[in-house]
PDB file of N, CA and C in Angstrom:
ATOM      1  N   UNK A   1      11.675   9.874  -1.426  1.00  0.00           N
ATOM      2  CA  UNK A   1      10.664   9.835  -2.470  1.00  0.00           C
ATOM      3  C   UNK A   1      10.220  11.265  -2.762  1.00  0.00           C
ATOM      4  N   UNK A   2      10.250  11.649  -3.989  1.00  0.00           N
ATOM      5  CA  UNK A   2       9.897  13.006  -4.380  1.00  0.00           C
ATOM      6  C   UNK A   2       8.785  12.978  -5.418  1.00  0.00           C
ATOM      7  N   UNK A   3       7.701  13.711  -5.201  1.00  0.00           N
ATOM      8  CA  UNK A   3       6.635  13.838  -6.196  1.00  0.00           C
ATOM      9  C   UNK A   3       6.013  12.526  -6.574  1.00  0.00           C
ATOM     10  N   UNK A   4       6.325  12.069  -7.795  1.00  0.00           N
ATOM     11  CA  UNK A   4       5.795  10.796  -8.298  1.00  0.00           C
ATOM     12  C   UNK A   4       6.970   9.857  -8.556  1.00  0.00           C
ATOM     13  N   UNK A   5       6.856   8.626  -8.069  1.00  0.00           N
ATOM     14  CA  UNK A   5       7.906   7.634  -8.267  1.00  0.00           C
ATOM     15  C   UNK A   5       7.326   6.358  -8.851  1.00  0.00           C
ATOM     16  N   UNK A   6       8.175   5.613  -9.537  1.00  0.00           N
ATOM     17  CA  UNK A   6       7.806   4.363 -10.179  1.00  0.00           C
ATOM     18  C   UNK A   6       8.372   3.204  -9.372  1.00  0.00           C
ATOM     19  N   UNK A   7       7.535   2.205  -9.108  1.00  0.00           N
ATOM     20  CA  UNK A   7       7.947   1.016  -8.359  1.00  0.00           C
ATOM     21  C   UNK A   7       7.512  -0.227  -9.120  1.00  0.00           C
ATOM     22  N   UNK A   8       8.309  -1.276  -9.009  1.00  0.00           N
ATOM     23  CA  UNK A   8       7.948  -2.568  -9.590  1.00  0.00           C
ATOM     24  C   UNK A   8       7.354  -3.434  -8.486  1.00  0.00           C
ATOM     25  N   UNK A   9       6.222  -4.061  -8.781  1.00  0.00           N
ATOM     26  CA  UNK A   9       5.538  -4.919  -7.816  1.00  0.00           C
ATOM     27  C   UNK A   9       6.053  -6.346  -7.980  1.00  0.00           C
ATOM     28  N   UNK A  10       6.540  -6.920  -6.894  1.00  0.00           N
ATOM     29  CA  UNK A  10       6.982  -8.311  -6.915  1.00  0.00           C
ATOM     30  C   UNK A  10       5.983  -9.141  -6.120  1.00  0.00           C
ATOM     31  N   UNK A  11       5.821 -10.377  -6.489  1.00  0.00           N
ATOM     32  CA  UNK A  11       4.897 -11.250  -5.787  1.00  0.00           C
ATOM     33  C   UNK A  11       3.475 -11.096  -6.289  1.00  0.00           C
ATOM     34  N   UNK A  12       2.634 -12.010  -5.846  1.00  0.00           N
ATOM     35  CA  UNK A  12       1.256 -12.092  -6.340  1.00  0.00           C
ATOM     36  C   UNK A  12       0.221 -11.617  -5.329  1.00  0.00           C
ATOM     37  N   UNK A  13       0.641 -10.997  -4.253  1.00  0.00           N
ATOM     38  CA  UNK A  13      -0.299 -10.655  -3.183  1.00  0.00           C
ATOM     39  C   UNK A  13      -1.357  -9.635  -3.572  1.00  0.00           C
ATOM     40  N   UNK A  14      -1.112  -8.864  -4.620  1.00  0.00           N
ATOM     41  CA  UNK A  14      -2.089  -7.845  -5.032  1.00  0.00           C
ATOM     42  C   UNK A  14      -2.859  -8.243  -6.291  1.00  0.00           C
ATOM     43  N   UNK A  15      -2.644  -9.476  -6.770  1.00  0.00           N
ATOM     44  CA  UNK A  15      -3.379  -9.961  -7.945  1.00  0.00           C
ATOM     45  C   UNK A  15      -4.826 -10.237  -7.566  1.00  0.00           C
ATOM     46  N   UNK A  16      -5.783 -10.011  -8.418  1.00  0.00           N
ATOM     47  CA  UNK A  16      -5.663  -9.620  -9.813  1.00  0.00           C
ATOM     48  C   UNK A  16      -5.580  -8.097 -10.015  1.00  0.00           C
ATOM     49  N   UNK A  17      -5.758  -7.339  -8.966  1.00  0.00           N
ATOM     50  CA  UNK A  17      -5.773  -5.876  -9.099  1.00  0.00           C
ATOM     51  C   UNK A  17      -4.459  -5.329  -9.647  1.00  0.00           C
ATOM     52  N   UNK A  18      -3.336  -5.852  -9.162  1.00  0.00           N
ATOM     53  CA  UNK A  18      -2.018  -5.485  -9.677  1.00  0.00           C
ATOM     54  C   UNK A  18      -1.262  -6.794  -9.948  1.00  0.00           C
ATOM     55  N   UNK A  19      -1.133  -7.182 -11.210  1.00  0.00           N
ATOM     56  CA  UNK A  19      -0.414  -8.420 -11.534  1.00  0.00           C
ATOM     57  C   UNK A  19       1.063  -8.344 -11.127  1.00  0.00           C
ATOM     58  N   UNK A  20       1.633  -9.491 -10.744  1.00  0.00           N
ATOM     59  CA  UNK A  20       3.053  -9.556 -10.399  1.00  0.00           C
ATOM     60  C   UNK A  20       3.879  -9.050 -11.573  1.00  0.00           C
ATOM     61  N   UNK A  21       4.924  -8.298 -11.271  1.00  0.00           N
ATOM     62  CA  UNK A  21       5.798  -7.758 -12.305  1.00  0.00           C
ATOM     63  C   UNK A  21       5.333  -6.435 -12.889  1.00  0.00           C
ATOM     64  N   UNK A  22       4.185  -5.960 -12.450  1.00  0.00           N
ATOM     65  CA  UNK A  22       3.669  -4.673 -12.931  1.00  0.00           C
ATOM     66  C   UNK A  22       4.454  -3.532 -12.303  1.00  0.00           C
ATOM     67  N   UNK A  23       4.278  -2.362 -12.877  1.00  0.00           N
ATOM     68  CA  UNK A  23       4.842  -1.139 -12.301  1.00  0.00           C
ATOM     69  C   UNK A  23       3.697  -0.276 -11.803  1.00  0.00           C
ATOM     70  N   UNK A  24       3.952   0.462 -10.739  1.00  0.00           N
ATOM     71  CA  UNK A  24       2.953   1.393 -10.220  1.00  0.00           C
ATOM     72  C   UNK A  24       3.591   2.766 -10.061  1.00  0.00           C
ATOM     73  N   UNK A  25       2.798   3.790 -10.313  1.00  0.00           N
ATOM     74  CA  UNK A  25       3.207   5.163 -10.039  1.00  0.00           C
ATOM     75  C   UNK A  25       2.616   5.550  -8.698  1.00  0.00           C
ATOM     76  N   UNK A  26       3.444   6.062  -7.817  1.00  0.00           N
ATOM     77  CA  UNK A  26       2.987   6.487  -6.491  1.00  0.00           C
ATOM     78  C   UNK A  26       3.166   7.989  -6.346  1.00  0.00           C
ATOM     79  N   UNK A  27       2.113   8.635  -5.908  1.00  0.00           N
ATOM     80  CA  UNK A  27       2.146  10.061  -5.618  1.00  0.00           C
ATOM     81  C   UNK A  27       2.554  10.229  -4.165  1.00  0.00           C
ATOM     82  N   UNK A  28       3.576  11.007  -3.942  1.00  0.00           N
ATOM     83  CA  UNK A  28       4.085  11.218  -2.591  1.00  0.00           C
ATOM     84  C   UNK A  28       3.019  11.790  -1.671  1.00  0.00           C
ATOM     85  N   UNK A  29       3.030  11.329  -0.443  1.00  0.00           N
ATOM     86  CA  UNK A  29       2.116  11.834   0.577  1.00  0.00           C
ATOM     87  C   UNK A  29       2.789  13.002   1.288  1.00  0.00           C
ATOM     88  N   UNK A  30       2.561  14.207   0.804  1.00  0.00           N
ATOM     89  CA  UNK A  30       3.080  15.400   1.477  1.00  0.00           C
ATOM     90  C   UNK A  30       2.226  15.635   2.718  1.00  0.00           C
ATOM     91  N   UNK A  31       2.639  16.173   3.717  1.00  0.00           N
ATOM     92  CA  UNK A  31       1.826  16.485   4.899  1.00  0.00           C
ATOM     93  C   UNK A  31       0.958  15.307   5.315  1.00  0.00           C
ATOM     94  N   UNK A  32      -0.270  15.564   5.715  1.00  0.00           N
ATOM     95  CA  UNK A  32      -1.191  14.524   6.193  1.00  0.00           C
ATOM     96  C   UNK A  32      -2.205  14.221   5.095  1.00  0.00           C
ATOM     97  N   UNK A  33      -2.044  13.096   4.419  1.00  0.00           N
ATOM     98  CA  UNK A  33      -2.924  12.813   3.281  1.00  0.00           C
ATOM     99  C   UNK A  33      -4.337  12.431   3.707  1.00  0.00           C
ATOM    100  N   UNK A  34      -5.279  12.711   2.826  1.00  0.00           N
ATOM    101  CA  UNK A  34      -6.629  12.207   3.009  1.00  0.00           C
ATOM    102  C   UNK A  34      -6.613  10.761   2.534  1.00  0.00           C
ATOM    103  N   UNK A  35      -6.937   9.850   3.416  1.00  0.00           N
ATOM    104  CA  UNK A  35      -6.880   8.428   3.085  1.00  0.00           C
ATOM    105  C   UNK A  35      -8.256   7.927   2.688  1.00  0.00           C
ATOM    106  N   UNK A  36      -8.281   7.057   1.695  1.00  0.00           N
ATOM    107  CA  UNK A  36      -9.530   6.537   1.152  1.00  0.00           C
ATOM    108  C   UNK A  36      -9.545   5.028   1.303  1.00  0.00           C
ATOM    109  N   UNK A  37     -10.559   4.493   1.975  1.00  0.00           N
ATOM    110  CA  UNK A  37     -10.692   3.044   2.090  1.00  0.00           C
ATOM    111  C   UNK A  37     -10.817   2.441   0.699  1.00  0.00           C
ATOM    112  N   UNK A  38     -10.126   1.339   0.472  1.00  0.00           N
ATOM    113  CA  UNK A  38     -10.152   0.669  -0.817  1.00  0.00           C
ATOM    114  C   UNK A  38      -9.085   1.156  -1.781  1.00  0.00           C
ATOM    115  N   UNK A  39      -8.409   2.272  -1.465  1.00  0.00           N
ATOM    116  CA  UNK A  39      -7.319   2.769  -2.307  1.00  0.00           C
ATOM    117  C   UNK A  39      -6.041   2.001  -1.969  1.00  0.00           C
ATOM    118  N   UNK A  40      -5.091   2.032  -2.889  1.00  0.00           N
ATOM    119  CA  UNK A  40      -3.829   1.320  -2.713  1.00  0.00           C
ATOM    120  C   UNK A  40      -2.749   2.320  -2.306  1.00  0.00           C
ATOM    121  N   UNK A  41      -1.979   1.935  -1.278  1.00  0.00           N
ATOM    122  CA  UNK A  41      -0.938   2.816  -0.756  1.00  0.00           C
ATOM    123  C   UNK A  41       0.391   2.086  -0.638  1.00  0.00           C
ATOM    124  N   UNK A  42       1.457   2.867  -0.736  1.00  0.00           N
ATOM    125  CA  UNK A  42       2.806   2.406  -0.440  1.00  0.00           C
ATOM    126  C   UNK A  42       3.113   2.889   0.973  1.00  0.00           C
ATOM    127  N   UNK A  43       3.571   1.985   1.817  1.00  0.00           N
ATOM    128  CA  UNK A  43       3.910   2.379   3.182  1.00  0.00           C
ATOM    129  C   UNK A  43       5.149   1.629   3.642  1.00  0.00           C
ATOM    130  N   UNK A  44       5.762   2.164   4.669  1.00  0.00           N
ATOM    131  CA  UNK A  44       6.968   1.571   5.226  1.00  0.00           C
ATOM    132  C   UNK A  44       6.589   0.780   6.471  1.00  0.00           C
ATOM    133  N   UNK A  45       6.641  -0.549   6.362  1.00  0.00           N
ATOM    134  CA  UNK A  45       6.334  -1.423   7.495  1.00  0.00           C
ATOM    135  C   UNK A  45       7.578  -1.522   8.377  1.00  0.00           C
ATOM    136  N   UNK A  46       7.411  -1.462   9.705  1.00  0.00           N
ATOM    137  CA  UNK A  46       8.587  -1.455  10.584  1.00  0.00           C
ATOM    138  C   UNK A  46       9.461  -2.710  10.479  1.00  0.00           C
ATOM    139  N   UNK A  47       8.903  -3.851  10.086  1.00  0.00           N
ATOM    140  CA  UNK A  47       9.689  -5.086   9.985  1.00  0.00           C
ATOM    141  C   UNK A  47       9.823  -5.590   8.548  1.00  0.00           C
ATOM    142  N   UNK A  48       8.830  -5.349   7.720  1.00  0.00           N
ATOM    143  CA  UNK A  48       8.790  -5.931   6.376  1.00  0.00           C
ATOM    144  C   UNK A  48       9.284  -4.990   5.286  1.00  0.00           C
ATOM    145  N   UNK A  49       9.568  -3.748   5.621  1.00  0.00           N
ATOM    146  CA  UNK A  49      10.020  -2.779   4.630  1.00  0.00           C
ATOM    147  C   UNK A  49       8.857  -2.168   3.869  1.00  0.00           C
ATOM    148  N   UNK A  50       9.111  -1.745   2.635  1.00  0.00           N
ATOM    149  CA  UNK A  50       8.073  -1.089   1.850  1.00  0.00           C
ATOM    150  C   UNK A  50       7.080  -2.121   1.298  1.00  0.00           C
ATOM    151  N   UNK A  51       5.803  -1.831   1.502  1.00  0.00           N
ATOM    152  CA  UNK A  51       4.724  -2.690   1.015  1.00  0.00           C
ATOM    153  C   UNK A  51       3.717  -1.855   0.238  1.00  0.00           C
ATOM    154  N   UNK A  52       3.081  -2.494  -0.718  1.00  0.00           N
ATOM    155  CA  UNK A  52       1.969  -1.890  -1.459  1.00  0.00           C
ATOM    156  C   UNK A  52       0.750  -2.745  -1.155  1.00  0.00           C
ATOM    157  N   UNK A  53      -0.232  -2.136  -0.506  1.00  0.00           N
ATOM    158  CA  UNK A  53      -1.439  -2.866  -0.091  1.00  0.00           C
ATOM    159  C   UNK A  53      -2.653  -1.939  -0.162  1.00  0.00           C
ATOM    160  N   UNK A  54      -3.817  -2.546  -0.035  1.00  0.00           N
ATOM    161  CA  UNK A  54      -5.090  -1.834  -0.048  1.00  0.00           C
ATOM    162  C   UNK A  54      -5.467  -1.427   1.370  1.00  0.00           C
ATOM    163  N   UNK A  55      -5.898  -0.183   1.550  1.00  0.00           N
ATOM    164  CA  UNK A  55      -6.351   0.276   2.865  1.00  0.00           C
ATOM    165  C   UNK A  55      -7.716  -0.340   3.155  1.00  0.00           C
ATOM    166  N   UNK A  56      -7.765  -1.163   4.197  1.00  0.00           N
ATOM    167  CA  UNK A  56      -8.987  -1.894   4.536  1.00  0.00           C
ATOM    168  C   UNK A  56      -9.794  -1.227   5.646  1.00  0.00           C
ATOM    169  N   UNK A  57      -9.113  -0.554   6.583  1.00  0.00           N
ATOM    170  CA  UNK A  57      -9.824  -0.001   7.736  1.00  0.00           C
ATOM    171  C   UNK A  57      -8.957   1.061   8.413  1.00  0.00           C
ATOM    172  N   UNK A  58      -9.629   1.998   9.062  1.00  0.00           N
ATOM    173  CA  UNK A  58      -8.984   2.959   9.951  1.00  0.00           C
ATOM    174  C   UNK A  58      -9.701   2.814  11.288  1.00  0.00           C
ATOM    175  N   UNK A  59      -8.973   2.373  12.318  1.00  0.00           N
ATOM    176  CA  UNK A  59      -9.635   2.116  13.596  1.00  0.00           C
ATOM    177  C   UNK A  59      -9.829   3.402  14.399  1.00  0.00           C
ATOM    178  N   UNK A  60     -10.484   3.272  15.537  1.00  0.00           N
ATOM    179  CA  UNK A  60     -10.836   4.441  16.356  1.00  0.00           C
ATOM    180  C   UNK A  60      -9.609   5.171  16.902  1.00  0.00           C
ATOM    181  N   UNK A  61      -8.456   4.485  16.960  1.00  0.00           N
ATOM    182  CA  UNK A  61      -7.218   5.112  17.428  1.00  0.00           C
ATOM    183  C   UNK A  61      -6.449   5.773  16.284  1.00  0.00           C
ATOM    184  N   UNK A  62      -6.989   5.671  15.061  1.00  0.00           N
ATOM    185  CA  UNK A  62      -6.333   6.264  13.903  1.00  0.00           C
ATOM    186  C   UNK A  62      -5.323   5.361  13.216  1.00  0.00           C
ATOM    187  N   UNK A  63      -5.220   4.114  13.676  1.00  0.00           N
ATOM    188  CA  UNK A  63      -4.319   3.154  13.040  1.00  0.00           C
ATOM    189  C   UNK A  63      -4.893   2.701  11.707  1.00  0.00           C
ATOM    190  N   UNK A  64      -4.005   2.441  10.752  1.00  0.00           N
ATOM    191  CA  UNK A  64      -4.402   1.991   9.433  1.00  0.00           C
ATOM    192  C   UNK A  64      -4.208   0.479   9.337  1.00  0.00           C
ATOM    193  N   UNK A  65      -5.162  -0.175   8.705  1.00  0.00           N
ATOM    194  CA  UNK A  65      -5.106  -1.627   8.516  1.00  0.00           C
ATOM    195  C   UNK A  65      -5.158  -1.910   7.027  1.00  0.00           C
ATOM    196  N   UNK A  66      -4.137  -2.617   6.533  1.00  0.00           N
ATOM    197  CA  UNK A  66      -4.004  -2.896   5.117  1.00  0.00           C
ATOM    198  C   UNK A  66      -4.206  -4.368   4.822  1.00  0.00           C
ATOM    199  N   UNK A  67      -4.546  -4.654   3.551  1.00  0.00           N
ATOM    200  CA  UNK A  67      -4.737  -6.040   3.123  1.00  0.00           C
ATOM    201  C   UNK A  67      -4.204  -6.201   1.708  1.00  0.00           C
ATOM    202  N   UNK A  68      -3.869  -7.450   1.385  1.00  0.00           N
ATOM    203  CA  UNK A  68      -3.529  -7.810   0.015  1.00  0.00           C
ATOM    204  C   UNK A  68      -4.822  -8.135  -0.719  1.00  0.00           C
ATOM    205  N   UNK A  69      -4.697  -8.486  -1.984  1.00  0.00           N
ATOM    206  CA  UNK A  69      -5.887  -8.736  -2.795  1.00  0.00           C
ATOM    207  C   UNK A  69      -6.162 -10.212  -3.041  1.00  0.00           C
ATOM    208  N   UNK A  70      -5.303 -11.113  -2.577  1.00  0.00           N
ATOM    209  CA  UNK A  70      -5.597 -12.533  -2.750  1.00  0.00           C
ATOM    210  C   UNK A  70      -5.100 -13.343  -1.563  1.00  0.00           C
ATOM    211  N   UNK A  71      -5.374 -14.633  -1.588  1.00  0.00           N
ATOM    212  CA  UNK A  71      -5.057 -15.499  -0.449  1.00  0.00           C
ATOM    213  C   UNK A  71      -3.564 -15.699  -0.208  1.00  0.00           C
ATOM    214  N   UNK A  72      -2.707 -15.400  -1.189  1.00  0.00           N
ATOM    215  CA  UNK A  72      -1.266 -15.548  -1.024  1.00  0.00           C
ATOM    216  C   UNK A  72      -0.654 -14.403  -0.229  1.00  0.00           C
ATOM    217  N   UNK A  73      -1.403 -13.347  -0.038  1.00  0.00           N
ATOM    218  CA  UNK A  73      -0.884 -12.171   0.650  1.00  0.00           C
ATOM    219  C   UNK A  73      -0.753 -12.416   2.148  1.00  0.00           C
ATOM    220  N   UNK A  74       0.160 -11.697   2.750  1.00  0.00           N
ATOM    221  CA  UNK A  74       0.255 -11.680   4.206  1.00  0.00           C
ATOM    222  C   UNK A  74      -1.078 -11.144   4.739  1.00  0.00           C
ATOM    223  N   UNK A  75      -1.543 -11.663   5.861  1.00  0.00           N
ATOM    224  CA  UNK A  75      -2.849 -11.264   6.384  1.00  0.00           C
ATOM    225  C   UNK A  75      -2.806  -9.871   7.010  1.00  0.00           C
ATOM    226  N   UNK A  76      -3.978  -9.276   7.118  1.00  0.00           N
ATOM    227  CA  UNK A  76      -4.121  -7.974   7.766  1.00  0.00           C
ATOM    228  C   UNK A  76      -3.584  -8.029   9.193  1.00  0.00           C
ATOM    229  N   UNK A  77      -3.852  -9.133   9.899  1.00  0.00           N
ATOM    230  CA  UNK A  77      -3.392  -9.280  11.281  1.00  0.00           C
ATOM    231  C   UNK A  77      -1.875  -9.382  11.349  1.00  0.00           C
ATOM    232  N   UNK A  78      -1.248 -10.055  10.362  1.00  0.00           N
ATOM    233  CA  UNK A  78       0.210 -10.169  10.344  1.00  0.00           C
ATOM    234  C   UNK A  78       0.866  -8.822  10.039  1.00  0.00           C
ATOM    235  N   UNK A  79       0.241  -8.038   9.173  1.00  0.00           N
ATOM    236  CA  UNK A  79       0.761  -6.698   8.889  1.00  0.00           C
ATOM    237  C   UNK A  79       0.638  -5.849  10.143  1.00  0.00           C
ATOM    238  N   UNK A  80      -0.510  -5.958  10.803  1.00  0.00           N
ATOM    239  CA  UNK A  80      -0.736  -5.205  12.028  1.00  0.00           C
ATOM    240  C   UNK A  80      -1.101  -3.757  11.757  1.00  0.00           C
ATOM    241  N   UNK A  81      -1.328  -2.990  12.821  1.00  0.00           N
ATOM    242  CA  UNK A  81      -1.697  -1.585  12.666  1.00  0.00           C
ATOM    243  C   UNK A  81      -0.503  -0.756  12.185  1.00  0.00           C
ATOM    244  N   UNK A  82      -0.778   0.168  11.286  1.00  0.00           N
ATOM    245  CA  UNK A  82       0.254   1.035  10.721  1.00  0.00           C
ATOM    246  C   UNK A  82      -0.102   2.483  11.059  1.00  0.00           C
ATOM    247  N   UNK A  83       0.869   3.218  11.532  1.00  0.00           N
ATOM    248  CA  UNK A  83       0.677   4.635  11.825  1.00  0.00           C
ATOM    249  C   UNK A  83       0.615   5.421  10.516  1.00  0.00           C
ATOM    250  N   UNK A  84      -0.191   6.452  10.499  1.00  0.00           N
ATOM    251  CA  UNK A  84      -0.375   7.292   9.307  1.00  0.00           C
ATOM    252  C   UNK A  84       0.958   7.850   8.792  1.00  0.00           C
ATOM    253  N   UNK A  85       1.875   8.153   9.681  1.00  0.00           N
ATOM    254  CA  UNK A  85       3.161   8.734   9.280  1.00  0.00           C
ATOM    255  C   UNK A  85       4.013   7.773   8.451  1.00  0.00           C
ATOM    256  N   UNK A  86       3.674   6.496   8.429  1.00  0.00           N
ATOM    257  CA  UNK A  86       4.419   5.501   7.650  1.00  0.00           C
ATOM    258  C   UNK A  86       3.955   5.418   6.193  1.00  0.00           C
ATOM    259  N   UNK A  87       2.850   6.078   5.868  1.00  0.00           N
ATOM    260  CA  UNK A  87       2.363   6.081   4.489  1.00  0.00           C
ATOM    261  C   UNK A  87       3.284   6.960   3.656  1.00  0.00           C
ATOM    262  N   UNK A  88       3.831   6.365   2.589  1.00  0.00           N
ATOM    263  CA  UNK A  88       4.770   7.085   1.725  1.00  0.00           C
ATOM    264  C   UNK A  88       4.081   7.679   0.511  1.00  0.00           C
ATOM    265  N   UNK A  89       3.000   7.063   0.070  1.00  0.00           N
ATOM    266  CA  UNK A  89       2.311   7.583  -1.100  1.00  0.00           C
ATOM    267  C   UNK A  89       1.129   6.731  -1.502  1.00  0.00           C
ATOM    268  N   UNK A  90       0.350   7.277  -2.419  1.00  0.00           N
ATOM    269  CA  UNK A  90      -0.840   6.602  -2.943  1.00  0.00           C
ATOM    270  C   UNK A  90      -0.546   6.129  -4.353  1.00  0.00           C
ATOM    271  N   UNK A  91      -0.918   4.888  -4.642  1.00  0.00           N
ATOM    272  CA  UNK A  91      -0.759   4.361  -5.996  1.00  0.00           C
ATOM    273  C   UNK A  91      -1.792   5.047  -6.875  1.00  0.00           C
ATOM    274  N   UNK A  92      -1.310   5.732  -7.906  1.00  0.00           N
ATOM    275  CA  UNK A  92      -2.203   6.494  -8.772  1.00  0.00           C
ATOM    276  C   UNK A  92      -2.355   5.873 -10.152  1.00  0.00           C
ATOM    277  N   UNK A  93      -1.444   4.971 -10.505  1.00  0.00           N
ATOM    278  CA  UNK A  93      -1.494   4.371 -11.849  1.00  0.00           C
ATOM    279  C   UNK A  93      -0.823   3.016 -11.801  1.00  0.00           C
ATOM    280  N   UNK A  94      -1.421   2.033 -12.466  1.00  0.00           N
ATOM    281  CA  UNK A  94      -0.844   0.700 -12.569  1.00  0.00           C
ATOM    282  C   UNK A  94      -0.512   0.429 -14.028  1.00  0.00           C
ATOM    283  N   UNK A  95       0.729   0.036 -14.285  1.00  0.00           N
ATOM    284  CA  UNK A  95       1.168  -0.361 -15.622  1.00  0.00           C
ATOM    285  C   UNK A  95       1.339  -1.875 -15.568  1.00  0.00           C
ATOM    286  N   UNK A  96       0.318  -2.595 -16.046  1.00  0.00           N
ATOM    287  CA  UNK A  96       0.295  -4.050 -15.911  1.00  0.00           C
ATOM    288  C   UNK A  96       1.406  -4.728 -16.686  1.00  0.00           C
ATOM    289  N   UNK A  97       1.905  -5.818 -16.101  1.00  0.00           N
ATOM    290  CA  UNK A  97       2.969  -6.607 -16.742  1.00  0.00           C
ATOM    291  C   UNK A  97       2.427  -7.321 -17.960  1.00  0.00           C
TER     292      UNK A  97
END
């Protein structure tokens, strides 16, 4: 991933914030990004691959906890803790379907 990349969102887990079939622009996370609770990030999950989710919490060990935006999304507990190094970028723009 270089600079800014375009991704298509599949599934309804981020609705209504990001409708299914929308495109998002992601700004690459160079070095150690400043993370903002409530912002949307693209990250590489060790089992599920690339996911786009909302940052819900940063625990005392520095682990990141993500969530979807509706009940159809995989739960925060199922996603589990994510290391900061797995964050690929921040969603900076949504092009709704």
